[in-house]
Amino acid sequence: MIAAAAVGLGMSADPAWAAPPIPDSGTLTWSITNGGPTPAGVTPSATIEFAPETLAAPVDTVYATLDATVPAGTSAEVAVRGLLPDGTWTAWTAITEDASATLGTETTSVQTRLVLTAANGTAGPQVREIDLVGWAG
């Protein structure tokens, strides 16, 4: 996790929250860099779907942390989904500060979605990077 204000999925900037258990081995990690701040004076809400990540081994569980600034009254939420063998996707599954996303099946392709929300005319969340870790459980 990158310092500054590291938060995960609509969480407060308190780094003392308890992450769910992550295995000591057999994990895969990747990061998504999100550039471009949301200017004040416009609706700073957005949904961003990132390109799917092809992984070296199958995973069925994913956890994320954010390098972000999330002002009070705003949120930055992350969800993931997995590609099924028939070419369809699992449902989007949210990741929270204390819970990883369980995809329901093992997959080697994971897509990440970031949902930013804030009131009109206010400064929205600024997400610089999403760090993800996945494993087969």
N, C-alpha and C. Protein backbone atom coordinates (compact mmCIF):
# COMPACT_ATOMS: atom_id res chain seq x y z
N MET A 1 0.85 -1.16 0.00
CA MET A 1 0.00 0.00 0.00
C MET A 1 0.90 1.23 0.00
N ILE A 2 0.51 2.23 -0.75
CA ILE A 2 1.27 3.45 -0.84
C ILE A 2 0.80 4.41 0.24
N ALA A 3 1.74 5.12 0.86
CA ALA A 3 1.41 6.01 1.98
C ALA A 3 0.49 7.14 1.55
N ALA A 4 0.66 8.30 1.98
CA ALA A 4 -0.24 9.45 1.80
C ALA A 4 -1.51 9.15 2.56
N ALA A 5 -2.63 9.13 1.93
CA ALA A 5 -3.88 8.75 2.60
C ALA A 5 -4.33 7.45 1.97
N ALA A 6 -3.93 6.36 2.54
CA ALA A 6 -4.29 5.06 1.97
C ALA A 6 -5.62 4.62 2.55
N VAL A 7 -6.57 4.42 1.66
CA VAL A 7 -7.90 4.01 2.07
C VAL A 7 -8.39 2.95 1.13
N GLY A 8 -9.38 2.24 1.52
CA GLY A 8 -9.96 1.25 0.63
C GLY A 8 -11.45 1.41 0.58
N LEU A 9 -11.99 1.41 -0.57
CA LEU A 9 -13.40 1.30 -0.89
C LEU A 9 -14.34 2.08 0.00
N GLY A 10 -14.32 3.36 -0.12
CA GLY A 10 -15.26 4.18 0.63
C GLY A 10 -14.92 4.25 2.10
N MET A 11 -13.72 3.89 2.45
CA MET A 11 -13.31 3.88 3.85
C MET A 11 -12.81 5.24 4.28
N SER A 12 -12.66 5.39 5.55
CA SER A 12 -12.04 6.60 6.06
C SER A 12 -10.54 6.50 5.82
N ALA A 13 -9.84 7.59 6.06
CA ALA A 13 -8.40 7.60 5.83
C ALA A 13 -7.63 6.99 6.98
N ASP A 14 -8.29 6.32 7.89
CA ASP A 14 -7.65 5.70 9.04
C ASP A 14 -6.99 4.39 8.62
N PRO A 15 -5.65 4.32 8.61
CA PRO A 15 -4.98 3.10 8.17
C PRO A 15 -5.05 1.97 9.20
N ALA A 16 -5.73 2.17 10.31
CA ALA A 16 -5.76 1.17 11.37
C ALA A 16 -6.86 0.12 11.18
N TRP A 17 -7.65 0.20 10.11
CA TRP A 17 -8.70 -0.79 9.91
C TRP A 17 -8.09 -2.17 9.70
N ALA A 18 -8.87 -3.17 9.98
CA ALA A 18 -8.38 -4.54 9.89
C ALA A 18 -8.75 -5.16 8.55
N ALA A 19 -7.76 -5.45 7.75
CA ALA A 19 -7.98 -6.12 6.47
C ALA A 19 -8.34 -7.58 6.73
N PRO A 20 -9.07 -8.20 5.79
CA PRO A 20 -9.38 -9.62 5.97
C PRO A 20 -8.10 -10.45 5.87
N PRO A 21 -8.13 -11.69 6.33
CA PRO A 21 -6.94 -12.52 6.23
C PRO A 21 -6.55 -12.76 4.77
N ILE A 22 -5.28 -12.55 4.48
CA ILE A 22 -4.74 -12.79 3.15
C ILE A 22 -3.68 -13.88 3.29
N PRO A 23 -3.71 -14.91 2.46
CA PRO A 23 -2.73 -16.00 2.59
C PRO A 23 -1.30 -15.50 2.50
N ASP A 24 -0.39 -16.20 3.19
CA ASP A 24 1.03 -15.85 3.17
C ASP A 24 1.70 -16.24 1.86
N SER A 25 1.12 -17.19 1.15
CA SER A 25 1.71 -17.61 -0.12
C SER A 25 0.59 -17.91 -1.12
N GLY A 26 0.96 -18.04 -2.37
CA GLY A 26 -0.01 -18.36 -3.41
C GLY A 26 -0.85 -17.18 -3.85
N THR A 27 -0.38 -15.96 -3.56
CA THR A 27 -1.14 -14.78 -3.96
C THR A 27 -0.53 -14.15 -5.22
N LEU A 28 -1.35 -13.45 -5.96
CA LEU A 28 -0.92 -12.68 -7.12
C LEU A 28 -1.25 -11.22 -6.83
N THR A 29 -0.37 -10.31 -7.21
CA THR A 29 -0.63 -8.89 -6.97
C THR A 29 -0.53 -8.12 -8.28
N TRP A 30 -1.35 -7.06 -8.37
CA TRP A 30 -1.27 -6.15 -9.50
C TRP A 30 -1.81 -4.80 -9.06
N SER A 31 -1.51 -3.77 -9.84
CA SER A 31 -1.94 -2.42 -9.50
C SER A 31 -2.54 -1.74 -10.72
N ILE A 32 -3.44 -0.81 -10.45
CA ILE A 32 -4.06 0.01 -11.48
C ILE A 32 -3.80 1.45 -11.09
N THR A 33 -3.21 2.21 -12.00
CA THR A 33 -2.97 3.63 -11.75
C THR A 33 -4.11 4.41 -12.38
N ASN A 34 -4.69 5.31 -11.60
CA ASN A 34 -5.82 6.12 -12.07
C ASN A 34 -5.39 7.58 -12.04
N GLY A 35 -5.17 8.16 -13.19
CA GLY A 35 -4.78 9.57 -13.26
C GLY A 35 -6.00 10.45 -13.46
N GLY A 36 -5.81 11.73 -13.31
CA GLY A 36 -6.87 12.68 -13.62
C GLY A 36 -7.76 13.02 -12.46
N PRO A 37 -7.50 14.12 -11.75
CA PRO A 37 -8.36 14.53 -10.64
C PRO A 37 -9.71 15.02 -11.15
N THR A 38 -10.71 14.95 -10.29
CA THR A 38 -12.04 15.46 -10.62
C THR A 38 -12.10 16.92 -10.19
N PRO A 39 -12.33 17.86 -11.11
CA PRO A 39 -12.35 19.28 -10.73
C PRO A 39 -13.59 19.63 -9.92
N ALA A 40 -13.45 20.60 -9.00
CA ALA A 40 -14.60 21.10 -8.24
C ALA A 40 -15.52 21.86 -9.19
N GLY A 41 -16.78 21.95 -8.86
CA GLY A 41 -17.71 22.70 -9.66
C GLY A 41 -18.45 21.85 -10.69
N VAL A 42 -18.08 20.59 -10.79
CA VAL A 42 -18.78 19.65 -11.66
C VAL A 42 -19.22 18.48 -10.81
N THR A 43 -20.09 17.66 -11.36
CA THR A 43 -20.50 16.48 -10.61
C THR A 43 -19.33 15.51 -10.57
N PRO A 44 -18.70 15.36 -9.42
CA PRO A 44 -17.49 14.54 -9.34
C PRO A 44 -17.81 13.06 -9.09
N SER A 45 -18.86 12.57 -9.69
CA SER A 45 -19.20 11.16 -9.56
C SER A 45 -18.91 10.49 -10.89
N ALA A 46 -18.37 9.29 -10.83
CA ALA A 46 -18.02 8.58 -12.06
C ALA A 46 -17.92 7.09 -11.78
N THR A 47 -18.13 6.31 -12.81
CA THR A 47 -17.87 4.88 -12.76
C THR A 47 -16.82 4.59 -13.83
N ILE A 48 -15.73 3.98 -13.41
CA ILE A 48 -14.63 3.68 -14.31
C ILE A 48 -14.42 2.17 -14.32
N GLU A 49 -14.54 1.56 -15.48
CA GLU A 49 -14.24 0.14 -15.64
C GLU A 49 -12.89 0.03 -16.31
N PHE A 50 -11.94 -0.60 -15.63
CA PHE A 50 -10.60 -0.76 -16.15
C PHE A 50 -10.51 -2.01 -17.02
N ALA A 51 -9.51 -2.05 -17.87
CA ALA A 51 -9.30 -3.22 -18.72
C ALA A 51 -9.09 -4.46 -17.85
N PRO A 52 -9.57 -5.62 -18.28
CA PRO A 52 -9.36 -6.84 -17.50
C PRO A 52 -7.86 -7.14 -17.35
N GLU A 53 -7.52 -7.70 -16.21
CA GLU A 53 -6.14 -8.11 -15.91
C GLU A 53 -6.04 -9.61 -16.12
N THR A 54 -5.11 -10.05 -16.98
CA THR A 54 -4.86 -11.47 -17.18
C THR A 54 -3.80 -11.91 -16.18
N LEU A 55 -4.14 -12.88 -15.36
CA LEU A 55 -3.27 -13.33 -14.27
C LEU A 55 -2.54 -14.62 -14.63
N ALA A 56 -1.42 -14.85 -13.98
CA ALA A 56 -0.59 -16.02 -14.25
C ALA A 56 -1.18 -17.31 -13.70
N ALA A 57 -2.09 -17.21 -12.76
CA ALA A 57 -2.71 -18.38 -12.15
C ALA A 57 -4.15 -18.02 -11.78
N PRO A 58 -5.02 -19.01 -11.63
CA PRO A 58 -6.41 -18.70 -11.29
C PRO A 58 -6.56 -18.17 -9.86
N VAL A 59 -7.54 -17.27 -9.70
CA VAL A 59 -7.91 -16.74 -8.40
C VAL A 59 -9.43 -16.81 -8.27
N ASP A 60 -9.92 -16.84 -7.04
CA ASP A 60 -11.36 -16.74 -6.81
C ASP A 60 -11.70 -15.74 -5.72
N THR A 61 -10.65 -15.12 -5.16
CA THR A 61 -10.82 -14.14 -4.10
C THR A 61 -9.89 -12.97 -4.38
N VAL A 62 -10.39 -11.74 -4.20
CA VAL A 62 -9.59 -10.55 -4.50
C VAL A 62 -9.82 -9.53 -3.39
N TYR A 63 -8.74 -8.87 -2.97
CA TYR A 63 -8.81 -7.78 -2.01
C TYR A 63 -8.09 -6.58 -2.60
N ALA A 64 -8.49 -5.38 -2.23
CA ALA A 64 -7.88 -4.16 -2.76
C ALA A 64 -7.66 -3.13 -1.67
N THR A 65 -6.64 -2.32 -1.88
CA THR A 65 -6.43 -1.12 -1.07
C THR A 65 -6.25 0.04 -2.05
N LEU A 66 -6.58 1.22 -1.60
CA LEU A 66 -6.48 2.40 -2.45
C LEU A 66 -5.45 3.38 -1.91
N ASP A 67 -4.72 4.00 -2.83
CA ASP A 67 -3.94 5.19 -2.51
C ASP A 67 -4.84 6.32 -2.96
N ALA A 68 -5.49 6.99 -2.02
CA ALA A 68 -6.53 7.94 -2.38
C ALA A 68 -6.73 8.99 -1.30
N THR A 69 -7.34 10.07 -1.72
CA THR A 69 -7.85 11.08 -0.80
C THR A 69 -9.36 11.05 -0.97
N VAL A 70 -10.07 10.72 0.10
CA VAL A 70 -11.52 10.59 0.06
C VAL A 70 -12.11 11.55 1.10
N PRO A 71 -12.50 12.75 0.65
CA PRO A 71 -13.05 13.73 1.60
C PRO A 71 -14.33 13.21 2.26
N ALA A 72 -14.62 13.76 3.43
CA ALA A 72 -15.87 13.41 4.13
C ALA A 72 -17.04 13.65 3.20
N GLY A 73 -18.02 12.76 3.23
CA GLY A 73 -19.20 12.89 2.41
C GLY A 73 -19.05 12.36 0.99
N THR A 74 -17.88 11.79 0.68
CA THR A 74 -17.66 11.20 -0.64
C THR A 74 -17.29 9.73 -0.45
N SER A 75 -17.23 9.00 -1.55
CA SER A 75 -16.80 7.61 -1.45
C SER A 75 -16.07 7.17 -2.71
N ALA A 76 -15.23 6.17 -2.54
CA ALA A 76 -14.52 5.51 -3.63
C ALA A 76 -14.70 4.02 -3.39
N GLU A 77 -15.47 3.38 -4.24
CA GLU A 77 -15.80 1.97 -4.04
C GLU A 77 -15.24 1.13 -5.18
N VAL A 78 -14.68 -0.02 -4.82
CA VAL A 78 -14.10 -0.92 -5.80
C VAL A 78 -14.89 -2.22 -5.83
N ALA A 79 -15.09 -2.73 -7.04
CA ALA A 79 -15.72 -4.04 -7.23
C ALA A 79 -14.92 -4.76 -8.32
N VAL A 80 -14.98 -6.08 -8.29
CA VAL A 80 -14.30 -6.89 -9.30
C VAL A 80 -15.26 -7.95 -9.83
N ARG A 81 -14.91 -8.46 -11.00
CA ARG A 81 -15.65 -9.58 -11.56
C ARG A 81 -14.66 -10.45 -12.32
N GLY A 82 -15.04 -11.72 -12.52
CA GLY A 82 -14.14 -12.66 -13.19
C GLY A 82 -14.75 -13.18 -14.49
N LEU A 83 -13.88 -13.47 -15.45
CA LEU A 83 -14.31 -14.00 -16.74
C LEU A 83 -14.50 -15.50 -16.64
N LEU A 84 -15.67 -15.96 -17.06
CA LEU A 84 -15.99 -17.39 -17.04
C LEU A 84 -15.52 -18.06 -18.33
N PRO A 85 -15.36 -19.40 -18.31
CA PRO A 85 -14.89 -20.11 -19.51
C PRO A 85 -15.77 -19.90 -20.74
N ASP A 86 -17.07 -19.61 -20.55
CA ASP A 86 -17.96 -19.42 -21.69
C ASP A 86 -17.93 -17.99 -22.24
N GLY A 87 -17.04 -17.14 -21.69
CA GLY A 87 -16.90 -15.77 -22.18
C GLY A 87 -17.79 -14.76 -21.50
N THR A 88 -18.63 -15.18 -20.57
CA THR A 88 -19.44 -14.25 -19.79
C THR A 88 -18.71 -13.91 -18.49
N TRP A 89 -19.22 -12.90 -17.80
CA TRP A 89 -18.59 -12.45 -16.56
C TRP A 89 -19.43 -12.82 -15.35
N THR A 90 -18.77 -13.01 -14.22
CA THR A 90 -19.49 -13.15 -12.96
C THR A 90 -20.11 -11.79 -12.63
N ALA A 91 -20.94 -11.74 -11.63
CA ALA A 91 -21.50 -10.47 -11.18
C ALA A 91 -20.39 -9.63 -10.55
N TRP A 92 -20.56 -8.31 -10.58
CA TRP A 92 -19.63 -7.43 -9.87
C TRP A 92 -19.76 -7.73 -8.37
N THR A 93 -18.63 -7.87 -7.71
CA THR A 93 -18.61 -8.13 -6.27
C THR A 93 -17.79 -7.04 -5.60
N ALA A 94 -18.39 -6.35 -4.64
CA ALA A 94 -17.73 -5.24 -3.95
C ALA A 94 -16.65 -5.75 -3.00
N ILE A 95 -15.63 -4.93 -2.86
CA ILE A 95 -14.58 -5.17 -1.87
C ILE A 95 -14.74 -4.07 -0.83
N THR A 96 -14.73 -4.44 0.44
CA THR A 96 -14.83 -3.45 1.51
C THR A 96 -13.54 -3.48 2.32
N GLU A 97 -13.41 -2.54 3.24
CA GLU A 97 -12.18 -2.47 4.02
C GLU A 97 -11.94 -3.71 4.85
N ASP A 98 -13.00 -4.44 5.19
CA ASP A 98 -12.81 -5.63 6.02
C ASP A 98 -13.27 -6.91 5.34
N ALA A 99 -13.52 -6.85 4.02
CA ALA A 99 -13.97 -8.06 3.32
C ALA A 99 -13.45 -8.08 1.88
N SER A 100 -12.88 -9.20 1.51
CA SER A 100 -12.45 -9.39 0.13
C SER A 100 -13.65 -9.80 -0.71
N ALA A 101 -13.49 -9.76 -2.03
CA ALA A 101 -14.55 -10.19 -2.95
C ALA A 101 -14.33 -11.65 -3.29
N THR A 102 -15.39 -12.43 -3.18
CA THR A 102 -15.35 -13.84 -3.58
C THR A 102 -16.09 -13.95 -4.90
N LEU A 103 -15.39 -14.41 -5.93
CA LEU A 103 -15.95 -14.43 -7.28
C LEU A 103 -16.86 -15.62 -7.53
N GLY A 104 -16.78 -16.66 -6.72
CA GLY A 104 -17.64 -17.82 -6.89
C GLY A 104 -17.08 -18.88 -7.83
N THR A 105 -16.00 -18.55 -8.53
CA THR A 105 -15.33 -19.49 -9.42
C THR A 105 -13.90 -19.02 -9.63
N GLU A 106 -13.02 -19.95 -9.96
CA GLU A 106 -11.65 -19.55 -10.25
C GLU A 106 -11.56 -19.00 -11.67
N THR A 107 -10.76 -17.97 -11.84
CA THR A 107 -10.58 -17.32 -13.14
C THR A 107 -9.18 -16.76 -13.25
N THR A 108 -8.69 -16.62 -14.48
CA THR A 108 -7.39 -15.98 -14.70
C THR A 108 -7.55 -14.58 -15.31
N SER A 109 -8.79 -14.09 -15.39
CA SER A 109 -9.04 -12.75 -15.91
C SER A 109 -9.99 -12.02 -14.97
N VAL A 110 -9.49 -10.92 -14.38
CA VAL A 110 -10.27 -10.15 -13.40
C VAL A 110 -10.38 -8.71 -13.89
N GLN A 111 -11.59 -8.17 -13.86
CA GLN A 111 -11.82 -6.78 -14.22
C GLN A 111 -12.19 -6.00 -12.96
N THR A 112 -11.69 -4.78 -12.88
CA THR A 112 -11.91 -3.92 -11.71
C THR A 112 -12.75 -2.71 -12.12
N ARG A 113 -13.67 -2.34 -11.22
CA ARG A 113 -14.52 -1.16 -11.43
C ARG A 113 -14.35 -0.24 -10.22
N LEU A 114 -14.24 1.06 -10.49
CA LEU A 114 -14.12 2.07 -9.45
C LEU A 114 -15.32 3.00 -9.56
N VAL A 115 -16.06 3.17 -8.46
CA VAL A 115 -17.21 4.07 -8.44
C VAL A 115 -16.90 5.21 -7.47
N LEU A 116 -16.86 6.43 -8.01
CA LEU A 116 -16.58 7.63 -7.21
C LEU A 116 -17.88 8.40 -7.05
N THR A 117 -18.18 8.82 -5.82
CA THR A 117 -19.39 9.61 -5.59
C THR A 117 -19.08 10.82 -4.72
N ALA A 118 -19.77 11.92 -5.03
CA ALA A 118 -19.68 13.16 -4.25
C ALA A 118 -20.84 14.05 -4.67
N ALA A 119 -21.15 15.01 -3.85
CA ALA A 119 -22.23 15.95 -4.17
C ALA A 119 -21.78 16.94 -5.23
N ASN A 120 -22.73 17.46 -5.98
CA ASN A 120 -22.45 18.47 -7.00
C ASN A 120 -21.69 19.65 -6.41
N GLY A 121 -20.67 20.12 -7.10
CA GLY A 121 -19.94 21.31 -6.68
C GLY A 121 -18.95 21.08 -5.57
N THR A 122 -18.74 19.84 -5.16
CA THR A 122 -17.78 19.54 -4.10
C THR A 122 -16.58 18.80 -4.68
N ALA A 123 -15.50 18.83 -3.94
CA ALA A 123 -14.31 18.08 -4.36
C ALA A 123 -14.58 16.59 -4.16
N GLY A 124 -14.38 15.83 -5.19
CA GLY A 124 -14.61 14.39 -5.13
C GLY A 124 -13.37 13.64 -4.68
N PRO A 125 -13.50 12.34 -4.54
CA PRO A 125 -12.36 11.52 -4.16
C PRO A 125 -11.29 11.55 -5.25
N GLN A 126 -10.06 11.47 -4.85
CA GLN A 126 -8.92 11.41 -5.77
C GLN A 126 -8.22 10.07 -5.56
N VAL A 127 -8.41 9.15 -6.48
CA VAL A 127 -7.80 7.82 -6.39
C VAL A 127 -6.59 7.80 -7.30
N ARG A 128 -5.42 7.58 -6.71
CA ARG A 128 -4.18 7.55 -7.47
C ARG A 128 -3.83 6.14 -7.93
N GLU A 129 -4.10 5.17 -7.07
CA GLU A 129 -3.74 3.79 -7.41
C GLU A 129 -4.62 2.81 -6.66
N ILE A 130 -4.91 1.70 -7.30
CA ILE A 130 -5.62 0.58 -6.68
C ILE A 130 -4.65 -0.58 -6.66
N ASP A 131 -4.33 -1.09 -5.49
CA ASP A 131 -3.46 -2.26 -5.34
C ASP A 131 -4.34 -3.46 -5.03
N LEU A 132 -4.19 -4.51 -5.83
CA LEU A 132 -5.04 -5.70 -5.68
C LEU A 132 -4.18 -6.92 -5.38
N VAL A 133 -4.77 -7.83 -4.62
CA VAL A 133 -4.13 -9.12 -4.36
C VAL A 133 -5.21 -10.18 -4.54
N GLY A 134 -4.88 -11.24 -5.26
CA GLY A 134 -5.85 -12.30 -5.51
C GLY A 134 -5.25 -13.66 -5.16
N TRP A 135 -6.14 -14.59 -4.84
CA TRP A 135 -5.70 -15.95 -4.52
C TRP A 135 -6.84 -16.92 -4.72
N ALA A 136 -6.49 -18.18 -4.84
CA ALA A 136 -7.50 -19.23 -4.93
C ALA A 136 -7.66 -19.83 -3.55
N GLY A 137 -8.88 -19.85 -3.08
CA GLY A 137 -9.12 -20.29 -1.72
C GLY A 137 -9.90 -21.52 -1.74
